[in-house]
Amino acid sequence: MRARERILIALDTSDAEQAVRWVRLLAPHVGGFKVGLELVHAAGFGIFERLREAGAERIFYDAKLHDIPNTVARAVRAIAQRGVWMVNVHASGGRAMMEAAVESARSVPNPPLLVAVTVLTSLSERELHVELGVRRGLRTQVVQLARLAQESGVDGIVASAQEAAILRKQIGRDLLVVTPGIRLAEEGAHDQKRVTTPAGAVRAGADYLVIGRSVTADAEPLQKVQRIVEEIAGGADG
């Protein structure tokens, strides 16, 4: 996979016009775009078609579905019919929910990739233990959820790049690994707790890197993307 194809730009905005401008500027230089709940709830589902018209060939709908199996299955089927390239569910919804989502996604022509979120990159080990009551260590929990997702038939998982290396060792190369929490070496973590540089994420085994503010908050987003592509291709941490 070429370096630029690994980059998924997060359109984390409620401004549909701004999202369209980012797509027009960056579409020839990246692999795709992530559309989250903020943009969909602000602009409606018609935003997918607008982004495609602006040049977005691959749209990752970051829906993070987590509900009873029947509800998730119906939601995935409706989403799949909108022609998105990738959509996600929470692995913590369990095997039955993920299996229902997989069956539903594959029931339509040109099905989307279905990936499962393990542990959000905004969570620390302390929060996992103290607030959520999970007794396993953070990495152990990520691996356990990844294995469950793999057994459920999903196409990939979403996890911090800090866990990518151990995931590759534990579950092999069968699943795609999508990593948010990507920052250049000189940048802050913002509201993420487990962050990694672009080249570091790829070396650890990530397939796709979700990158938002590092690019979209920059005064020169295209130049920032080009720098990230060079970093990935060169394999150096900036």
Protein backbone atom coordinates (compact mmCIF):
# COMPACT_ATOMS: atom_id res chain seq x y z
CA MET A 1 0.00 0.00 0.00
CA ARG A 2 1.33 3.43 -0.92
CA ALA A 3 1.98 5.87 1.92
CA ARG A 4 -0.78 8.30 0.96
CA GLU A 5 -3.37 5.51 0.74
CA ARG A 6 -2.93 4.82 4.44
CA ILE A 7 -4.11 8.29 5.45
CA LEU A 8 -7.77 8.82 6.38
CA ILE A 9 -8.54 12.46 7.14
CA ALA A 10 -11.03 12.96 9.96
CA LEU A 11 -13.64 15.53 8.96
CA ASP A 12 -14.35 16.44 12.57
CA THR A 13 -16.51 19.50 12.07
CA SER A 14 -20.18 20.47 12.15
CA ASP A 15 -19.62 22.73 9.13
CA ALA A 16 -20.55 20.84 5.96
CA GLU A 17 -19.04 23.50 3.72
CA GLN A 18 -15.71 23.23 5.52
CA ALA A 19 -15.77 19.45 5.17
CA VAL A 20 -16.40 19.79 1.43
CA ARG A 21 -13.49 22.25 1.11
CA TRP A 22 -11.14 19.85 2.88
CA VAL A 23 -12.19 17.02 0.57
CA ARG A 24 -11.70 19.09 -2.57
CA LEU A 25 -8.23 20.10 -1.41
CA LEU A 26 -6.99 16.77 -0.07
CA ALA A 27 -8.80 14.00 -1.98
CA PRO A 28 -6.01 13.48 -4.57
CA HIS A 29 -3.42 13.19 -1.80
CA VAL A 30 -4.95 10.83 0.79
CA GLY A 31 -6.63 7.43 0.95
CA GLY A 32 -10.02 8.51 2.27
CA PHE A 33 -12.03 10.50 4.76
CA LYS A 34 -13.58 9.70 8.13
CA VAL A 35 -17.04 11.09 8.79
CA GLY A 36 -18.10 11.05 12.42
CA LEU A 37 -21.23 11.68 14.41
CA GLU A 38 -20.67 15.43 14.67
CA LEU A 39 -20.80 16.01 10.92
CA VAL A 40 -23.61 13.53 10.23
CA HIS A 41 -25.80 14.94 12.99
CA ALA A 42 -25.16 18.50 11.86
CA ALA A 43 -25.46 18.02 8.10
CA GLY A 44 -27.60 14.89 7.73
CA PHE A 45 -26.86 11.73 5.76
CA GLY A 46 -26.85 13.68 2.52
CA ILE A 47 -23.32 14.72 3.47
CA PHE A 48 -22.03 11.41 2.12
CA GLU A 49 -23.17 12.24 -1.41
CA ARG A 50 -21.85 15.79 -1.15
CA LEU A 51 -18.44 14.51 -0.12
CA ARG A 52 -18.41 11.99 -2.96
CA GLU A 53 -19.23 14.76 -5.42
CA ALA A 54 -16.30 16.74 -3.95
CA GLY A 55 -13.92 13.84 -4.65
CA ALA A 56 -14.12 11.49 -1.65
CA GLU A 57 -13.98 8.00 -3.18
CA ARG A 58 -13.57 6.27 0.20
CA ILE A 59 -15.69 7.31 3.18
CA PHE A 60 -15.24 5.72 6.59
CA TYR A 61 -18.42 6.30 8.60
CA ASP A 62 -17.29 6.38 12.21
CA ALA A 63 -20.69 5.37 13.57
CA LYS A 64 -19.38 3.31 16.53
CA LEU A 65 -22.60 1.32 16.70
CA HIS A 66 -23.26 -0.41 20.03
CA ASP A 67 -26.73 -1.83 20.66
CA ILE A 68 -28.65 -5.09 20.62
CA PRO A 69 -27.81 -7.34 17.63
CA ASN A 70 -31.03 -6.74 15.72
CA THR A 71 -30.80 -2.96 15.99
CA VAL A 72 -27.16 -2.91 14.92
CA ALA A 73 -27.84 -5.28 12.03
CA ARG A 74 -30.61 -3.04 10.69
CA ALA A 75 -28.49 0.08 11.13
CA VAL A 76 -25.53 -1.51 9.32
CA ARG A 77 -27.76 -2.55 6.43
CA ALA A 78 -29.10 1.00 6.10
CA ILE A 79 -25.59 2.46 6.26
CA ALA A 80 -24.24 -0.06 3.75
CA GLN A 81 -26.88 0.98 1.25
CA ARG A 82 -25.45 4.51 1.35
CA GLY A 83 -22.28 3.31 -0.33
CA VAL A 84 -19.76 3.98 2.43
CA TRP A 85 -16.40 2.22 2.17
CA MET A 86 -16.01 1.39 5.87
CA VAL A 87 -18.16 1.49 9.00
CA ASN A 88 -17.49 0.52 12.60
CA VAL A 89 -19.14 -1.03 15.63
CA HIS A 90 -17.96 -1.44 19.22
CA ALA A 91 -16.39 -4.84 19.87
CA SER A 92 -17.65 -4.54 23.46
CA GLY A 93 -21.14 -5.08 22.05
CA GLY A 94 -20.24 -8.77 21.96
CA ARG A 95 -20.03 -11.64 19.52
CA ALA A 96 -23.72 -11.87 18.62
CA MET A 97 -23.87 -8.17 17.82
CA MET A 98 -20.75 -8.27 15.65
CA GLU A 99 -21.86 -11.41 13.82
CA ALA A 100 -25.21 -9.78 13.09
CA ALA A 101 -23.42 -6.68 11.81
CA VAL A 102 -21.15 -8.77 9.55
CA GLU A 103 -24.07 -10.71 8.09
CA SER A 104 -25.98 -7.51 7.47
CA ALA A 105 -23.04 -5.69 5.87
CA ARG A 106 -22.42 -8.57 3.49
CA SER A 107 -26.06 -8.80 2.46
CA VAL A 108 -25.76 -5.82 0.09
CA PRO A 109 -23.84 -5.46 -3.17
CA ASN A 110 -20.39 -3.92 -2.72
CA PRO A 111 -20.46 -4.32 1.06
CA PRO A 112 -18.48 -1.92 3.23
CA LEU A 113 -15.55 -3.01 5.33
CA LEU A 114 -16.75 -3.63 8.88
CA VAL A 115 -14.29 -2.83 11.66
CA ALA A 116 -14.66 -3.11 15.42
CA VAL A 117 -13.48 -0.59 18.00
CA THR A 118 -11.50 -2.19 20.83
CA VAL A 119 -10.67 0.44 23.51
CA LEU A 120 -11.10 4.13 22.71
CA THR A 121 -7.80 6.01 22.42
CA SER A 122 -9.21 8.64 24.77
CA LEU A 123 -9.18 6.13 27.65
CA SER A 124 -6.23 5.54 29.95
CA GLU A 125 -5.51 2.35 31.87
CA ARG A 126 -6.62 4.04 35.10
CA GLU A 127 -9.98 5.04 33.59
CA LEU A 128 -10.47 1.53 32.25
CA HIS A 129 -9.97 0.10 35.74
CA VAL A 130 -11.43 2.74 38.06
CA GLU A 131 -14.31 4.16 36.02
CA LEU A 132 -15.32 1.20 33.84
CA GLY A 133 -14.43 -1.62 36.23
CA VAL A 134 -12.40 -3.63 33.72
CA ARG A 135 -9.94 -5.80 35.62
CA ARG A 136 -7.72 -6.69 32.69
CA GLY A 137 -4.78 -4.53 31.76
CA LEU A 138 -5.47 -2.15 28.88
CA ARG A 139 -3.40 -4.04 26.32
CA THR A 140 -4.86 -7.36 27.45
CA GLN A 141 -8.36 -5.94 27.03
CA VAL A 142 -7.54 -4.66 23.54
CA VAL A 143 -6.19 -8.07 22.50
CA GLN A 144 -9.19 -9.90 23.98
CA LEU A 145 -11.66 -7.68 22.13
CA ALA A 146 -9.63 -7.98 18.92
CA ARG A 147 -9.72 -11.77 19.15
CA LEU A 148 -13.47 -11.69 19.75
CA ALA A 149 -13.88 -9.41 16.73
CA GLN A 150 -11.73 -11.71 14.61
CA GLU A 151 -13.82 -14.73 15.61
CA SER A 152 -16.96 -12.76 14.76
CA GLY A 153 -15.83 -12.30 11.15
CA VAL A 154 -15.16 -8.56 10.97
CA ASP A 155 -12.70 -7.14 8.45
CA GLY A 156 -10.62 -5.19 10.91
CA ILE A 157 -10.27 -3.48 14.25
CA VAL A 158 -9.77 0.04 15.54
CA ALA A 159 -7.07 0.38 18.19
CA SER A 160 -4.33 2.69 19.32
CA ALA A 161 -1.07 2.31 17.43
CA GLN A 162 0.50 1.68 20.83
CA GLU A 163 -1.24 -1.71 20.77
CA ALA A 164 -0.70 -2.43 17.06
CA ALA A 165 2.54 -4.37 17.51
CA ILE A 166 1.15 -6.74 20.14
CA LEU A 167 -2.02 -7.16 18.07
CA ARG A 168 0.01 -8.22 15.06
CA LYS A 169 1.90 -10.69 17.23
CA GLN A 170 -1.27 -12.08 18.82
CA ILE A 171 -3.77 -12.09 15.94
CA GLY A 172 -1.56 -12.02 12.85
CA ARG A 173 -2.19 -10.20 9.59
CA ASP A 174 -5.74 -11.36 8.88
CA LEU A 175 -7.40 -8.20 10.20
CA LEU A 176 -6.97 -4.61 9.11
CA VAL A 177 -5.75 -2.34 11.91
CA VAL A 178 -7.12 1.19 11.84
CA THR A 179 -5.42 3.61 14.23
CA PRO A 180 -6.68 6.97 15.46
CA GLY A 181 -4.63 9.09 17.86
CA ILE A 182 -1.97 9.97 15.28
CA ARG A 183 0.18 13.01 16.03
CA LEU A 184 3.47 14.34 14.68
CA ALA A 185 6.31 14.26 17.18
CA GLU A 186 6.07 17.94 18.11
CA GLU A 187 2.29 17.99 18.58
CA GLY A 188 0.22 17.62 21.73
CA ALA A 189 -2.11 14.71 22.47
CA HIS A 190 -5.24 16.92 22.80
CA ASP A 191 -8.06 14.72 24.19
CA GLN A 192 -6.34 11.46 23.24
CA LYS A 193 -4.36 9.48 25.82
CA ARG A 194 -2.56 6.92 23.62
CA VAL A 195 -0.97 8.63 20.63
CA THR A 196 1.75 7.69 18.13
CA THR A 197 3.52 9.31 15.19
CA PRO A 198 2.52 8.32 11.62
CA ALA A 199 5.70 6.39 10.87
CA GLY A 200 5.63 4.77 14.30
CA ALA A 201 2.09 3.55 13.72
CA VAL A 202 2.95 1.98 10.37
CA ARG A 203 6.06 0.30 11.79
CA ALA A 204 3.92 -1.12 14.58
CA GLY A 205 1.60 -2.74 12.05
CA ALA A 206 -1.19 -0.23 11.36
CA ASP A 207 -2.83 -0.32 7.93
CA TYR A 208 -4.80 2.92 8.06
CA LEU A 209 -4.09 6.08 10.08
CA VAL A 210 -6.97 8.37 11.05
CA ILE A 211 -5.58 11.91 11.22
CA GLY A 212 -7.67 14.92 12.11
CA ARG A 213 -6.51 18.10 13.80
CA SER A 214 -2.88 17.56 12.87
CA VAL A 215 -3.99 18.33 9.31
CA THR A 216 -7.29 20.18 9.50
CA ALA A 217 -6.16 22.67 12.15
CA ASP A 218 -2.97 23.48 10.26
CA ALA A 219 -2.74 26.71 8.29
CA GLU A 220 -1.46 24.71 5.31
CA PRO A 221 -3.27 21.33 5.41
CA LEU A 222 -2.01 20.15 2.03
CA GLN A 223 1.61 20.77 2.98
CA LYS A 224 0.99 18.96 6.27
CA VAL A 225 -0.39 15.94 4.43
CA GLN A 226 2.62 15.91 2.14
CA ARG A 227 4.91 15.97 5.16
CA ILE A 228 3.05 13.05 6.73
CA VAL A 229 3.26 11.07 3.49
CA GLU A 230 7.01 11.67 3.37
CA GLU A 231 7.37 10.58 7.00
CA ILE A 232 5.46 7.34 6.40
CA ALA A 233 7.36 6.61 3.21
CA GLY A 234 10.69 7.35 4.85
CA GLY A 235 9.91 5.37 7.98
CA ALA A 236 11.27 8.03 10.33
CA ASP A 237 9.55 9.63 13.30
CA GLY A 238 9.82 13.14 11.95
